């Protein structure tokens, strides 16, 4: 599952513009949805990969078979799961 990050950003800007006179705004994302942006151009490198995306399942299974989950649990307290952003960014 993916979303066009330019459309997401445009929707956020439109929402802020529609609020009128405000003192503050909070922004959140949908779970572990992730977007990588090019630091020089300011444009997204790829679409937003949504938290529900499972395409890294095979990669996570291979890492688990090698015992890598023990490391992630020790360092981050998190299991290896396609839900999390690291494997999506890979």
PDB file of N, CA and C in Angstrom:
ATOM      1  N   UNK A   1       0.833  -1.176   0.000  1.00  0.00           N
ATOM      2  CA  UNK A   1       0.000   0.000   0.000  1.00  0.00           C
ATOM      3  C   UNK A   1       0.880   1.242   0.000  1.00  0.00           C
ATOM      4  N   UNK A   2       0.548   2.158  -0.860  1.00  0.00           N
ATOM      5  CA  UNK A   2       1.322   3.393  -0.988  1.00  0.00           C
ATOM      6  C   UNK A   2       0.381   4.582  -1.167  1.00  0.00           C
ATOM      7  N   UNK A   3       0.909   5.756  -0.835  1.00  0.00           N
ATOM      8  CA  UNK A   3       0.212   7.016  -1.099  1.00  0.00           C
ATOM      9  C   UNK A   3       1.198   7.979  -1.749  1.00  0.00           C
ATOM     10  N   UNK A   4       0.702   8.853  -2.584  1.00  0.00           N
ATOM     11  CA  UNK A   4       1.526   9.894  -3.188  1.00  0.00           C
ATOM     12  C   UNK A   4       1.829  10.942  -2.117  1.00  0.00           C
ATOM     13  N   UNK A   5       3.113  11.112  -1.730  1.00  0.00           N
ATOM     14  CA  UNK A   5       3.440  12.049  -0.663  1.00  0.00           C
ATOM     15  C   UNK A   5       3.157  13.505  -1.023  1.00  0.00           C
ATOM     16  N   UNK A   6       3.211  13.828  -2.299  1.00  0.00           N
ATOM     17  CA  UNK A   6       2.903  15.207  -2.716  1.00  0.00           C
ATOM     18  C   UNK A   6       1.436  15.528  -2.430  1.00  0.00           C
ATOM     19  N   UNK A   7       0.562  14.551  -2.674  1.00  0.00           N
ATOM     20  CA  UNK A   7      -0.861  14.751  -2.383  1.00  0.00           C
ATOM     21  C   UNK A   7      -1.083  14.835  -0.873  1.00  0.00           C
ATOM     22  N   UNK A   8      -0.419  13.979  -0.116  1.00  0.00           N
ATOM     23  CA  UNK A   8      -0.532  14.043   1.344  1.00  0.00           C
ATOM     24  C   UNK A   8      -0.113  15.418   1.857  1.00  0.00           C
ATOM     25  N   UNK A   9       1.028  15.901   1.382  1.00  0.00           N
ATOM     26  CA  UNK A   9       1.539  17.205   1.813  1.00  0.00           C
ATOM     27  C   UNK A   9       0.579  18.319   1.407  1.00  0.00           C
ATOM     28  N   UNK A  10       0.057  18.239   0.209  1.00  0.00           N
ATOM     29  CA  UNK A  10      -0.901  19.240  -0.270  1.00  0.00           C
ATOM     30  C   UNK A  10      -2.159  19.249   0.597  1.00  0.00           C
ATOM     31  N   UNK A  11      -2.640  18.079   0.976  1.00  0.00           N
ATOM     32  CA  UNK A  11      -3.822  17.995   1.835  1.00  0.00           C
ATOM     33  C   UNK A  11      -3.570  18.600   3.209  1.00  0.00           C
ATOM     34  N   UNK A  12      -2.369  18.381   3.753  1.00  0.00           N
ATOM     35  CA  UNK A  12      -2.022  18.980   5.045  1.00  0.00           C
ATOM     36  C   UNK A  12      -1.995  20.501   4.927  1.00  0.00           C
ATOM     37  N   UNK A  13      -1.348  21.010   3.882  1.00  0.00           N
ATOM     38  CA  UNK A  13      -1.279  22.467   3.680  1.00  0.00           C
ATOM     39  C   UNK A  13      -2.670  23.062   3.488  1.00  0.00           C
ATOM     40  N   UNK A  14      -3.523  22.395   2.693  1.00  0.00           N
ATOM     41  CA  UNK A  14      -4.891  22.873   2.485  1.00  0.00           C
ATOM     42  C   UNK A  14      -5.670  22.906   3.799  1.00  0.00           C
ATOM     43  N   UNK A  15      -5.473  21.892   4.629  1.00  0.00           N
ATOM     44  CA  UNK A  15      -6.157  21.838   5.920  1.00  0.00           C
ATOM     45  C   UNK A  15      -5.709  22.978   6.831  1.00  0.00           C
ATOM     46  N   UNK A  16      -4.408  23.242   6.847  1.00  0.00           N
ATOM     47  CA  UNK A  16      -3.877  24.345   7.667  1.00  0.00           C
ATOM     48  C   UNK A  16      -4.419  25.676   7.158  1.00  0.00           C
ATOM     49  N   UNK A  17      -4.400  25.853   5.839  1.00  0.00           N
ATOM     50  CA  UNK A  17      -4.910  27.097   5.250  1.00  0.00           C
ATOM     51  C   UNK A  17      -6.385  27.294   5.549  1.00  0.00           C
ATOM     52  N   UNK A  18      -7.158  26.215   5.640  1.00  0.00           N
ATOM     53  CA  UNK A  18      -8.603  26.306   5.863  1.00  0.00           C
ATOM     54  C   UNK A  18      -8.969  26.628   7.306  1.00  0.00           C
ATOM     55  N   UNK A  19      -7.993  26.535   8.218  1.00  0.00           N
ATOM     56  CA  UNK A  19      -8.314  26.754   9.630  1.00  0.00           C
ATOM     57  C   UNK A  19      -8.465  28.224   9.987  1.00  0.00           C
ATOM     58  N   UNK A  20      -7.915  29.104   9.193  1.00  0.00           N
ATOM     59  CA  UNK A  20      -7.984  30.526   9.526  1.00  0.00           C
ATOM     60  C   UNK A  20      -6.920  30.901  10.530  1.00  0.00           C
ATOM     61  N   UNK A  21      -7.270  31.783  11.449  1.00  0.00           N
ATOM     62  CA  UNK A  21      -6.329  32.292  12.446  1.00  0.00           C
ATOM     63  C   UNK A  21      -6.180  31.280  13.586  1.00  0.00           C
ATOM     64  N   UNK A  22      -5.004  30.660  13.689  1.00  0.00           N
ATOM     65  CA  UNK A  22      -4.755  29.673  14.741  1.00  0.00           C
ATOM     66  C   UNK A  22      -3.442  29.977  15.436  1.00  0.00           C
ATOM     67  N   UNK A  23      -3.296  29.467  16.641  1.00  0.00           N
ATOM     68  CA  UNK A  23      -2.065  29.657  17.410  1.00  0.00           C
ATOM     69  C   UNK A  23      -1.121  28.460  17.308  1.00  0.00           C
ATOM     70  N   UNK A  24      -1.670  27.295  17.057  1.00  0.00           N
ATOM     71  CA  UNK A  24      -0.836  26.093  17.008  1.00  0.00           C
ATOM     72  C   UNK A  24      -1.551  25.012  16.209  1.00  0.00           C
ATOM     73  N   UNK A  25      -0.771  24.041  15.770  1.00  0.00           N
ATOM     74  CA  UNK A  25      -1.335  22.888  15.063  1.00  0.00           C
ATOM     75  C   UNK A  25      -0.479  21.672  15.380  1.00  0.00           C
ATOM     76  N   UNK A  26      -1.108  20.529  15.474  1.00  0.00           N
ATOM     77  CA  UNK A  26      -0.394  19.276  15.689  1.00  0.00           C
ATOM     78  C   UNK A  26      -0.497  18.426  14.436  1.00  0.00           C
ATOM     79  N   UNK A  27       0.575  17.749  14.100  1.00  0.00           N
ATOM     80  CA  UNK A  27       0.601  16.881  12.923  1.00  0.00           C
ATOM     81  C   UNK A  27       1.039  15.493  13.365  1.00  0.00           C
ATOM     82  N   UNK A  28       0.365  14.484  12.866  1.00  0.00           N
ATOM     83  CA  UNK A  28       0.699  13.102  13.182  1.00  0.00           C
ATOM     84  C   UNK A  28       0.660  12.298  11.892  1.00  0.00           C
ATOM     85  N   UNK A  29       1.226  11.122  11.911  1.00  0.00           N
ATOM     86  CA  UNK A  29       1.144  10.270  10.730  1.00  0.00           C
ATOM     87  C   UNK A  29       0.381   9.008  11.075  1.00  0.00           C
ATOM     88  N   UNK A  30       0.087   8.215  10.076  1.00  0.00           N
ATOM     89  CA  UNK A  30      -0.683   7.001  10.249  1.00  0.00           C
ATOM     90  C   UNK A  30       0.258   5.854  10.591  1.00  0.00           C
ATOM     91  N   UNK A  31       0.383   5.562  11.870  1.00  0.00           N
ATOM     92  CA  UNK A  31       1.217   4.451  12.304  1.00  0.00           C
ATOM     93  C   UNK A  31       2.633   4.563  11.802  1.00  0.00           C
ATOM     94  N   UNK A  32       3.111   3.522  11.197  1.00  0.00           N
ATOM     95  CA  UNK A  32       4.486   3.462  10.703  1.00  0.00           C
ATOM     96  C   UNK A  32       4.588   3.782   9.214  1.00  0.00           C
ATOM     97  N   UNK A  33       3.689   4.610   8.708  1.00  0.00           N
ATOM     98  CA  UNK A  33       3.807   5.071   7.331  1.00  0.00           C
ATOM     99  C   UNK A  33       5.085   5.892   7.219  1.00  0.00           C
ATOM    100  N   UNK A  34       5.831   5.704   6.136  1.00  0.00           N
ATOM    101  CA  UNK A  34       7.133   6.350   6.009  1.00  0.00           C
ATOM    102  C   UNK A  34       7.331   6.944   4.615  1.00  0.00           C
ATOM    103  N   UNK A  35       7.974   8.122   4.585  1.00  0.00           N
ATOM    104  CA  UNK A  35       8.357   8.777   3.334  1.00  0.00           C
ATOM    105  C   UNK A  35       9.806   9.238   3.485  1.00  0.00           C
ATOM    106  N   UNK A  36      10.609   8.985   2.476  1.00  0.00           N
ATOM    107  CA  UNK A  36      11.968   9.517   2.452  1.00  0.00           C
ATOM    108  C   UNK A  36      11.990  10.697   1.482  1.00  0.00           C
ATOM    109  N   UNK A  37      12.593  11.813   1.916  1.00  0.00           N
ATOM    110  CA  UNK A  37      12.661  13.038   1.109  1.00  0.00           C
ATOM    111  C   UNK A  37      14.100  13.291   0.711  1.00  0.00           C
ATOM    112  N   UNK A  38      14.318  13.759  -0.504  1.00  0.00           N
ATOM    113  CA  UNK A  38      15.648  14.134  -0.967  1.00  0.00           C
ATOM    114  C   UNK A  38      16.024  15.453  -0.296  1.00  0.00           C
ATOM    115  N   UNK A  39      17.134  15.466   0.422  1.00  0.00           N
ATOM    116  CA  UNK A  39      17.509  16.660   1.183  1.00  0.00           C
ATOM    117  C   UNK A  39      17.907  17.834   0.296  1.00  0.00           C
ATOM    118  N   UNK A  40      18.339  17.560  -0.917  1.00  0.00           N
ATOM    119  CA  UNK A  40      18.738  18.652  -1.813  1.00  0.00           C
ATOM    120  C   UNK A  40      17.559  19.224  -2.596  1.00  0.00           C
ATOM    121  N   UNK A  41      16.743  18.348  -3.163  1.00  0.00           N
ATOM    122  CA  UNK A  41      15.629  18.834  -3.993  1.00  0.00           C
ATOM    123  C   UNK A  41      14.383  19.142  -3.171  1.00  0.00           C
ATOM    124  N   UNK A  42      14.256  18.505  -2.019  1.00  0.00           N
ATOM    125  CA  UNK A  42      13.054  18.677  -1.210  1.00  0.00           C
ATOM    126  C   UNK A  42      11.884  17.833  -1.682  1.00  0.00           C
ATOM    127  N   UNK A  43      12.102  17.004  -2.689  1.00  0.00           N
ATOM    128  CA  UNK A  43      11.042  16.157  -3.222  1.00  0.00           C
ATOM    129  C   UNK A  43      11.141  14.751  -2.644  1.00  0.00           C
ATOM    130  N   UNK A  44      10.014  14.059  -2.566  1.00  0.00           N
ATOM    131  CA  UNK A  44      10.059  12.687  -2.062  1.00  0.00           C
ATOM    132  C   UNK A  44      10.824  11.776  -3.013  1.00  0.00           C
ATOM    133  N   UNK A  45      11.524  10.831  -2.441  1.00  0.00           N
ATOM    134  CA  UNK A  45      12.280   9.863  -3.223  1.00  0.00           C
ATOM    135  C   UNK A  45      11.345   8.793  -3.786  1.00  0.00           C
ATOM    136  N   UNK A  46      10.298   8.493  -3.034  1.00  0.00           N
ATOM    137  CA  UNK A  46       9.347   7.459  -3.426  1.00  0.00           C
ATOM    138  C   UNK A  46       8.027   7.745  -2.731  1.00  0.00           C
ATOM    139  N   UNK A  47       7.017   7.001  -3.064  1.00  0.00           N
ATOM    140  CA  UNK A  47       5.719   7.149  -2.417  1.00  0.00           C
ATOM    141  C   UNK A  47       5.802   6.849  -0.928  1.00  0.00           C
ATOM    142  N   UNK A  48       4.815   7.334  -0.188  1.00  0.00           N
ATOM    143  CA  UNK A  48       4.680   6.963   1.214  1.00  0.00           C
ATOM    144  C   UNK A  48       4.316   5.487   1.263  1.00  0.00           C
ATOM    145  N   UNK A  49       5.073   4.713   2.011  1.00  0.00           N
ATOM    146  CA  UNK A  49       4.768   3.300   2.182  1.00  0.00           C
ATOM    147  C   UNK A  49       3.977   3.178   3.478  1.00  0.00           C
ATOM    148  N   UNK A  50       2.762   2.710   3.355  1.00  0.00           N
ATOM    149  CA  UNK A  50       1.787   2.731   4.439  1.00  0.00           C
ATOM    150  C   UNK A  50       2.038   1.608   5.435  1.00  0.00           C
ATOM    151  N   UNK A  51       1.654   1.841   6.682  1.00  0.00           N
ATOM    152  CA  UNK A  51       1.885   0.894   7.774  1.00  0.00           C
ATOM    153  C   UNK A  51       1.343  -0.501   7.473  1.00  0.00           C
ATOM    154  N   UNK A  52       0.307  -0.609   6.662  1.00  0.00           N
ATOM    155  CA  UNK A  52      -0.304  -1.907   6.377  1.00  0.00           C
ATOM    156  C   UNK A  52       0.468  -2.711   5.322  1.00  0.00           C
ATOM    157  N   UNK A  53       1.434  -2.093   4.665  1.00  0.00           N
ATOM    158  CA  UNK A  53       2.181  -2.742   3.593  1.00  0.00           C
ATOM    159  C   UNK A  53       2.952  -3.942   4.143  1.00  0.00           C
ATOM    160  N   UNK A  54       2.838  -5.065   3.490  1.00  0.00           N
ATOM    161  CA  UNK A  54       3.464  -6.306   3.957  1.00  0.00           C
ATOM    162  C   UNK A  54       4.544  -6.840   3.017  1.00  0.00           C
ATOM    163  N   UNK A  55       5.001  -6.024   2.068  1.00  0.00           N
ATOM    164  CA  UNK A  55       5.927  -6.552   1.059  1.00  0.00           C
ATOM    165  C   UNK A  55       7.287  -6.954   1.622  1.00  0.00           C
ATOM    166  N   UNK A  56       7.615  -6.552   2.841  1.00  0.00           N
ATOM    167  CA  UNK A  56       8.912  -6.937   3.418  1.00  0.00           C
ATOM    168  C   UNK A  56       8.817  -8.205   4.272  1.00  0.00           C
ATOM    169  N   UNK A  57       7.693  -8.897   4.212  1.00  0.00           N
ATOM    170  CA  UNK A  57       7.494 -10.101   5.031  1.00  0.00           C
ATOM    171  C   UNK A  57       8.596 -11.131   4.809  1.00  0.00           C
ATOM    172  N   UNK A  58       8.951 -11.408   3.556  1.00  0.00           N
ATOM    173  CA  UNK A  58      10.008 -12.405   3.281  1.00  0.00           C
ATOM    174  C   UNK A  58      11.346 -11.981   3.868  1.00  0.00           C
ATOM    175  N   UNK A  59      11.669 -10.696   3.754  1.00  0.00           N
ATOM    176  CA  UNK A  59      12.918 -10.179   4.312  1.00  0.00           C
ATOM    177  C   UNK A  59      12.934 -10.335   5.842  1.00  0.00           C
ATOM    178  N   UNK A  60      11.829  -9.996   6.480  1.00  0.00           N
ATOM    179  CA  UNK A  60      11.733 -10.124   7.939  1.00  0.00           C
ATOM    180  C   UNK A  60      11.844 -11.589   8.351  1.00  0.00           C
ATOM    181  N   UNK A  61      11.231 -12.480   7.608  1.00  0.00           N
ATOM    182  CA  UNK A  61      11.314 -13.918   7.901  1.00  0.00           C
ATOM    183  C   UNK A  61      12.762 -14.396   7.848  1.00  0.00           C
ATOM    184  N   UNK A  62      13.517 -13.933   6.859  1.00  0.00           N
ATOM    185  CA  UNK A  62      14.934 -14.307   6.744  1.00  0.00           C
ATOM    186  C   UNK A  62      15.748 -13.753   7.917  1.00  0.00           C
ATOM    187  N   UNK A  63      15.481 -12.504   8.306  1.00  0.00           N
ATOM    188  CA  UNK A  63      16.183 -11.932   9.457  1.00  0.00           C
ATOM    189  C   UNK A  63      15.873 -12.720  10.731  1.00  0.00           C
ATOM    190  N   UNK A  64      14.617 -13.079  10.912  1.00  0.00           N
ATOM    191  CA  UNK A  64      14.227 -13.871  12.086  1.00  0.00           C
ATOM    192  C   UNK A  64      14.933 -15.216  12.103  1.00  0.00           C
ATOM    193  N   UNK A  65      15.060 -15.833  10.927  1.00  0.00           N
ATOM    194  CA  UNK A  65      15.737 -17.138  10.838  1.00  0.00           C
ATOM    195  C   UNK A  65      17.203 -17.043  11.247  1.00  0.00           C
ATOM    196  N   UNK A  66      17.801 -15.859  11.072  1.00  0.00           N
ATOM    197  CA  UNK A  66      19.199 -15.636  11.452  1.00  0.00           C
ATOM    198  C   UNK A  66      19.341 -15.190  12.905  1.00  0.00           C
ATOM    199  N   UNK A  67      18.219 -15.053  13.623  1.00  0.00           N
ATOM    200  CA  UNK A  67      18.261 -14.652  15.025  1.00  0.00           C
ATOM    201  C   UNK A  67      18.340 -13.157  15.254  1.00  0.00           C
ATOM    202  N   UNK A  68      18.067 -12.373  14.230  1.00  0.00           N
ATOM    203  CA  UNK A  68      18.201 -10.913  14.343  1.00  0.00           C
ATOM    204  C   UNK A  68      17.191 -10.289  15.295  1.00  0.00           C
ATOM    205  N   UNK A  69      16.055 -10.955  15.493  1.00  0.00           N
ATOM    206  CA  UNK A  69      15.047 -10.362  16.375  1.00  0.00           C
ATOM    207  C   UNK A  69      15.560 -10.205  17.808  1.00  0.00           C
ATOM    208  N   UNK A  70      16.428 -11.085  18.232  1.00  0.00           N
ATOM    209  CA  UNK A  70      17.019 -10.971  19.566  1.00  0.00           C
ATOM    210  C   UNK A  70      17.738  -9.625  19.729  1.00  0.00           C
ATOM    211  N   UNK A  71      18.401  -9.187  18.670  1.00  0.00           N
ATOM    212  CA  UNK A  71      19.117  -7.907  18.692  1.00  0.00           C
ATOM    213  C   UNK A  71      18.143  -6.740  18.755  1.00  0.00           C
ATOM    214  N   UNK A  72      17.111  -6.778  17.913  1.00  0.00           N
ATOM    215  CA  UNK A  72      16.161  -5.656  17.906  1.00  0.00           C
ATOM    216  C   UNK A  72      15.386  -5.577  19.213  1.00  0.00           C
ATOM    217  N   UNK A  73      15.064  -6.727  19.783  1.00  0.00           N
ATOM    218  CA  UNK A  73      14.366  -6.714  21.073  1.00  0.00           C
ATOM    219  C   UNK A  73      15.260  -6.120  22.166  1.00  0.00           C
ATOM    220  N   UNK A  74      16.547  -6.472  22.135  1.00  0.00           N
ATOM    221  CA  UNK A  74      17.480  -5.977  23.137  1.00  0.00           C
ATOM    222  C   UNK A  74      17.720  -4.464  22.991  1.00  0.00           C
ATOM    223  N   UNK A  75      17.923  -4.001  21.751  1.00  0.00           N
ATOM    224  CA  UNK A  75      18.265  -2.596  21.518  1.00  0.00           C
ATOM    225  C   UNK A  75      17.061  -1.659  21.494  1.00  0.00           C
ATOM    226  N   UNK A  76      15.967  -2.110  20.878  1.00  0.00           N
ATOM    227  CA  UNK A  76      14.820  -1.218  20.688  1.00  0.00           C
ATOM    228  C   UNK A  76      13.570  -1.675  21.436  1.00  0.00           C
ATOM    229  N   UNK A  77      13.592  -2.901  21.920  1.00  0.00           N
ATOM    230  CA  UNK A  77      12.411  -3.430  22.587  1.00  0.00           C
ATOM    231  C   UNK A  77      11.287  -3.765  21.614  1.00  0.00           C
ATOM    232  N   UNK A  78      11.632  -3.881  20.340  1.00  0.00           N
ATOM    233  CA  UNK A  78      10.625  -4.139  19.306  1.00  0.00           C
ATOM    234  C   UNK A  78      10.920  -5.432  18.563  1.00  0.00           C
ATOM    235  N   UNK A  79       9.881  -6.180  18.217  1.00  0.00           N
ATOM    236  CA  UNK A  79      10.093  -7.373  17.405  1.00  0.00           C
ATOM    237  C   UNK A  79      10.346  -6.980  15.958  1.00  0.00           C
ATOM    238  N   UNK A  80      10.853  -7.916  15.194  1.00  0.00           N
ATOM    239  CA  UNK A  80      10.960  -7.702  13.749  1.00  0.00           C
ATOM    240  C   UNK A  80       9.579  -7.929  13.149  1.00  0.00           C
ATOM    241  N   UNK A  81       9.108  -6.946  12.399  1.00  0.00           N
ATOM    242  CA  UNK A  81       7.766  -7.029  11.831  1.00  0.00           C
ATOM    243  C   UNK A  81       7.698  -6.101  10.629  1.00  0.00           C
ATOM    244  N   UNK A  82       7.050  -6.509   9.541  1.00  0.00           N
ATOM    245  CA  UNK A  82       6.925  -5.647   8.367  1.00  0.00           C
ATOM    246  C   UNK A  82       6.204  -4.330   8.665  1.00  0.00           C
ATOM    247  N   UNK A  83       5.502  -4.256   9.782  1.00  0.00           N
ATOM    248  CA  UNK A  83       4.793  -3.041  10.195  1.00  0.00           C
ATOM    249  C   UNK A  83       5.754  -1.867  10.369  1.00  0.00           C
ATOM    250  N   UNK A  84       6.939  -2.116  10.910  1.00  0.00           N
ATOM    251  CA  UNK A  84       7.860  -1.046  11.257  1.00  0.00           C
ATOM    252  C   UNK A  84       8.572  -0.468  10.024  1.00  0.00           C
ATOM    253  N   UNK A  85       9.013   0.777  10.144  1.00  0.00           N
ATOM    254  CA  UNK A  85       9.521   1.540   9.008  1.00  0.00           C
ATOM    255  C   UNK A  85      10.881   1.103   8.472  1.00  0.00           C
ATOM    256  N   UNK A  86      11.723   0.533   9.302  1.00  0.00           N
ATOM    257  CA  UNK A  86      13.096   0.231   8.866  1.00  0.00           C
ATOM    258  C   UNK A  86      13.125  -0.672   7.646  1.00  0.00           C
ATOM    259  N   UNK A  87      12.351  -1.740   7.660  1.00  0.00           N
ATOM    260  CA  UNK A  87      12.381  -2.641   6.509  1.00  0.00           C
ATOM    261  C   UNK A  87      11.734  -1.998   5.284  1.00  0.00           C
ATOM    262  N   UNK A  88      10.786  -1.103   5.503  1.00  0.00           N
ATOM    263  CA  UNK A  88      10.176  -0.375   4.384  1.00  0.00           C
ATOM    264  C   UNK A  88      11.202   0.554   3.721  1.00  0.00           C
ATOM    265  N   UNK A  89      12.007   1.214   4.541  1.00  0.00           N
ATOM    266  CA  UNK A  89      13.028   2.114   4.001  1.00  0.00           C
ATOM    267  C   UNK A  89      14.107   1.351   3.243  1.00  0.00           C
ATOM    268  N   UNK A  90      14.374   0.147   3.674  1.00  0.00           N
ATOM    269  CA  UNK A  90      15.352  -0.697   2.988  1.00  0.00           C
ATOM    270  C   UNK A  90      14.949  -0.877   1.544  1.00  0.00           C
TER     271      UNK A  90
END
